[in-house]
Amino acid sequence: MKKLLIVLMTTTAAMSLAVTAEAADKLKACWVYTGPIGDFGYSYQHDQGRLDVE
């Protein structure tokens, strides 16, 4: 039983690696601000991250 489980897990892992991934056209992201950007808190750091992504 253990050998069968190991064989099935190995086969599943090998098959999942064989699948090729296709690149998406363009990644879409959304930022939700919970407060003003100028408060130098959570929203400010989110905006800094958004600027780095651009």
C-alpha atoms as a PDB file:
ATOM      1  CA  MET A   1       0.000   0.000   0.000  1.00  0.00           C
ATOM      2  CA  LYS A   2       2.819   2.415   0.837  1.00  0.00           C
ATOM      3  CA  LYS A   3       4.586   1.648  -2.435  1.00  0.00           C
ATOM      4  CA  LEU A   4       1.403   2.281  -4.409  1.00  0.00           C
ATOM      5  CA  LEU A   5       0.895   5.594  -2.636  1.00  0.00           C
ATOM      6  CA  ILE A   6       4.495   6.620  -3.308  1.00  0.00           C
ATOM      7  CA  VAL A   7       4.187   5.676  -6.983  1.00  0.00           C
ATOM      8  CA  LEU A   8       0.932   7.616  -7.340  1.00  0.00           C
ATOM      9  CA  MET A   9       2.352  10.689  -5.617  1.00  0.00           C
ATOM     10  CA  THR A  10       5.508  10.588  -7.729  1.00  0.00           C
ATOM     11  CA  THR A  11       3.499  10.183 -10.929  1.00  0.00           C
ATOM     12  CA  THR A  12       1.206  13.055 -10.005  1.00  0.00           C
ATOM     13  CA  ALA A  13       4.166  15.307  -9.206  1.00  0.00           C
ATOM     14  CA  ALA A  14       5.885  14.423 -12.481  1.00  0.00           C
ATOM     15  CA  MET A  15       2.735  15.091 -14.486  1.00  0.00           C
ATOM     16  CA  SER A  16       2.195  18.453 -12.826  1.00  0.00           C
ATOM     17  CA  LEU A  17       5.737  19.519 -13.705  1.00  0.00           C
ATOM     18  CA  ALA A  18       5.209  18.550 -17.333  1.00  0.00           C
ATOM     19  CA  VAL A  19       2.375  21.047 -17.781  1.00  0.00           C
ATOM     20  CA  THR A  20       3.577  24.236 -19.429  1.00  0.00           C
ATOM     21  CA  ALA A  21       2.348  27.568 -18.157  1.00  0.00           C
ATOM     22  CA  GLU A  22       1.314  30.288 -20.551  1.00  0.00           C
ATOM     23  CA  ALA A  23       2.099  33.902 -19.775  1.00  0.00           C
ATOM     24  CA  ALA A  24      -0.890  36.136 -19.246  1.00  0.00           C
ATOM     25  CA  ASP A  25      -1.343  39.190 -21.428  1.00  0.00           C
ATOM     26  CA  LYS A  26      -0.864  41.687 -18.641  1.00  0.00           C
ATOM     27  CA  LEU A  27      -1.208  41.448 -14.882  1.00  0.00           C
ATOM     28  CA  LYS A  28      -3.990  43.540 -13.400  1.00  0.00           C
ATOM     29  CA  ALA A  29      -3.781  44.705  -9.807  1.00  0.00           C
ATOM     30  CA  CYS A  30      -5.931  46.847  -7.539  1.00  0.00           C
ATOM     31  CA  TRP A  31      -5.035  48.909  -4.479  1.00  0.00           C
ATOM     32  CA  VAL A  32      -7.644  49.801  -1.892  1.00  0.00           C
ATOM     33  CA  TYR A  33      -6.730  52.696   0.351  1.00  0.00           C
ATOM     34  CA  THR A  34      -8.362  52.809   3.781  1.00  0.00           C
ATOM     35  CA  GLY A  35      -7.308  56.396   4.429  1.00  0.00           C
ATOM     36  CA  PRO A  36      -5.476  59.343   2.894  1.00  0.00           C
ATOM     37  CA  ILE A  37      -2.065  58.679   1.350  1.00  0.00           C
ATOM     38  CA  GLY A  38      -0.526  61.672   3.112  1.00  0.00           C
ATOM     39  CA  ASP A  39      -0.900  60.233   6.626  1.00  0.00           C
ATOM     40  CA  PHE A  40       2.428  58.327   6.300  1.00  0.00           C
ATOM     41  CA  GLY A  41       0.849  55.127   7.576  1.00  0.00           C
ATOM     42  CA  TYR A  42      -0.656  52.015   6.010  1.00  0.00           C
ATOM     43  CA  SER A  43      -2.058  53.802   2.931  1.00  0.00           C
ATOM     44  CA  TYR A  44       1.205  55.634   2.355  1.00  0.00           C
ATOM     45  CA  GLN A  45       3.164  52.366   2.325  1.00  0.00           C
ATOM     46  CA  HIS A  46       0.627  50.831  -0.063  1.00  0.00           C
ATOM     47  CA  ASP A  47       1.092  53.784  -2.396  1.00  0.00           C
ATOM     48  CA  GLN A  48       4.881  53.415  -2.213  1.00  0.00           C
ATOM     49  CA  GLY A  49       4.495  49.746  -3.169  1.00  0.00           C
ATOM     50  CA  ARG A  50       2.205  50.705  -6.042  1.00  0.00           C
ATOM     51  CA  LEU A  51       4.788  53.170  -7.310  1.00  0.00           C
ATOM     52  CA  ASP A  52       7.500  50.490  -7.146  1.00  0.00           C
ATOM     53  CA  VAL A  53       5.352  48.109  -9.182  1.00  0.00           C
ATOM     54  CA  GLU A  54       4.833  50.683 -11.917  1.00  0.00           C
END
